Amino acid sequence: MSWWSTGSSCTGRSLRPRWDRSVWLDVPFATTYARMARRDGCDPDPLHPANRRYLEGQRIYLREHHPERLADVVVDNSDPGRPRLLRGD
């Protein structure tokens, strides 16, 4: 049985064996922070001091786990109205 999950750390080494397939949504930080600002009211600038902890956590995760390389499917989701398949089926 597989579970659906979301979040930037869901494809980490410890969780990877639990999924049948994984999908990585490839979106630039500037876009994700703008979306987060609309949703949560935080600063839209990824480099703003208030976002430093979260941004650094994301960078560490990307550097150590390479989710974009390990995902079965990679989708460019910069424009959610027009997602574009980059790899997979």
Protein backbone atom coordinates (compact mmCIF):
# COMPACT_ATOMS: atom_id res chain seq x y z
CA MET A 1 0.00 0.00 0.00
CA SER A 2 1.26 3.47 -0.87
CA TRP A 3 0.48 6.72 0.85
CA TRP A 4 0.20 10.09 -0.84
CA SER A 5 2.27 12.80 0.68
CA THR A 6 3.41 16.29 -0.15
CA GLY A 7 6.29 18.41 0.92
CA SER A 8 9.85 19.07 -0.03
CA SER A 9 11.29 16.28 2.12
CA CYS A 10 8.98 13.43 1.09
CA THR A 11 11.51 11.87 -1.24
CA GLY A 12 14.27 11.62 1.36
CA ARG A 13 16.26 8.41 1.69
CA SER A 14 14.31 7.16 4.69
CA LEU A 15 10.92 7.57 3.00
CA ARG A 16 11.78 6.59 -0.56
CA PRO A 17 11.27 2.82 -0.02
CA ARG A 18 7.70 3.48 1.12
CA TRP A 19 6.52 4.95 -2.20
CA ASP A 20 5.63 3.11 -5.38
CA ARG A 21 6.35 6.23 -7.43
CA SER A 22 7.42 9.76 -6.74
CA VAL A 23 6.74 13.01 -8.57
CA TRP A 24 8.99 16.04 -8.24
CA LEU A 25 7.45 19.42 -9.04
CA ASP A 26 10.25 21.59 -10.34
CA VAL A 27 9.57 25.23 -9.48
CA PRO A 28 12.11 28.07 -8.97
CA PHE A 29 12.48 29.42 -5.43
CA ALA A 30 11.25 32.87 -6.51
CA THR A 31 7.99 31.30 -7.69
CA THR A 32 7.49 29.08 -4.65
CA TYR A 33 8.10 31.97 -2.26
CA ALA A 34 5.69 34.21 -4.16
CA ARG A 35 3.05 31.47 -3.86
CA MET A 36 3.85 30.98 -0.19
CA ALA A 37 3.52 34.74 0.40
CA ARG A 38 0.05 34.76 -1.16
CA ARG A 39 -0.98 31.72 0.88
CA ASP A 40 0.65 32.53 4.23
CA GLY A 41 1.32 36.26 4.15
CA CYS A 42 5.10 35.91 4.50
CA ASP A 43 7.71 37.88 2.59
CA PRO A 44 7.88 36.78 -1.08
CA ASP A 45 11.65 37.26 -1.32
CA PRO A 46 13.46 33.95 -0.75
CA LEU A 47 16.50 35.91 0.50
CA HIS A 48 14.54 37.90 3.10
CA PRO A 49 15.96 37.20 6.59
CA ALA A 50 12.61 35.78 7.76
CA ASN A 51 12.88 33.08 5.07
CA ARG A 52 16.50 32.16 5.70
CA ARG A 53 15.90 29.05 7.82
CA TYR A 54 13.37 27.56 5.40
CA LEU A 55 15.46 28.39 2.31
CA GLU A 56 18.62 26.90 3.81
CA GLY A 57 16.67 23.78 4.81
CA GLN A 58 15.48 23.39 1.24
CA ARG A 59 18.96 23.89 -0.16
CA ILE A 60 20.42 21.27 2.20
CA TYR A 61 17.68 18.80 1.28
CA LEU A 62 18.18 19.35 -2.45
CA ARG A 63 21.95 19.02 -2.14
CA GLU A 64 21.87 15.87 0.00
CA HIS A 65 18.90 13.98 -1.50
CA HIS A 66 18.72 15.05 -5.17
CA PRO A 67 14.94 14.51 -5.40
CA GLU A 68 14.82 15.80 -8.97
CA ARG A 69 17.17 12.98 -10.04
CA LEU A 70 15.49 10.25 -8.00
CA ALA A 71 11.86 11.02 -8.84
CA ASP A 72 10.07 8.78 -11.31
CA VAL A 73 8.31 11.79 -12.81
CA VAL A 74 9.52 15.38 -12.96
CA VAL A 75 7.08 18.17 -13.82
CA ASP A 76 7.89 21.82 -14.45
CA ASN A 77 5.14 23.41 -12.38
CA SER A 78 6.27 27.03 -12.68
CA ASP A 79 2.87 27.75 -14.21
CA PRO A 80 0.31 25.52 -12.44
CA GLY A 81 -2.16 26.20 -15.24
CA ARG A 82 0.28 24.67 -17.73
CA PRO A 83 2.39 21.97 -16.08
CA ARG A 84 5.03 20.53 -18.38
CA LEU A 85 6.34 16.97 -18.16
CA LEU A 86 10.14 16.98 -18.07
CA ARG A 87 10.73 13.29 -17.39
CA GLY A 88 8.67 10.16 -16.80
CA ASP A 89 5.24 9.06 -17.88
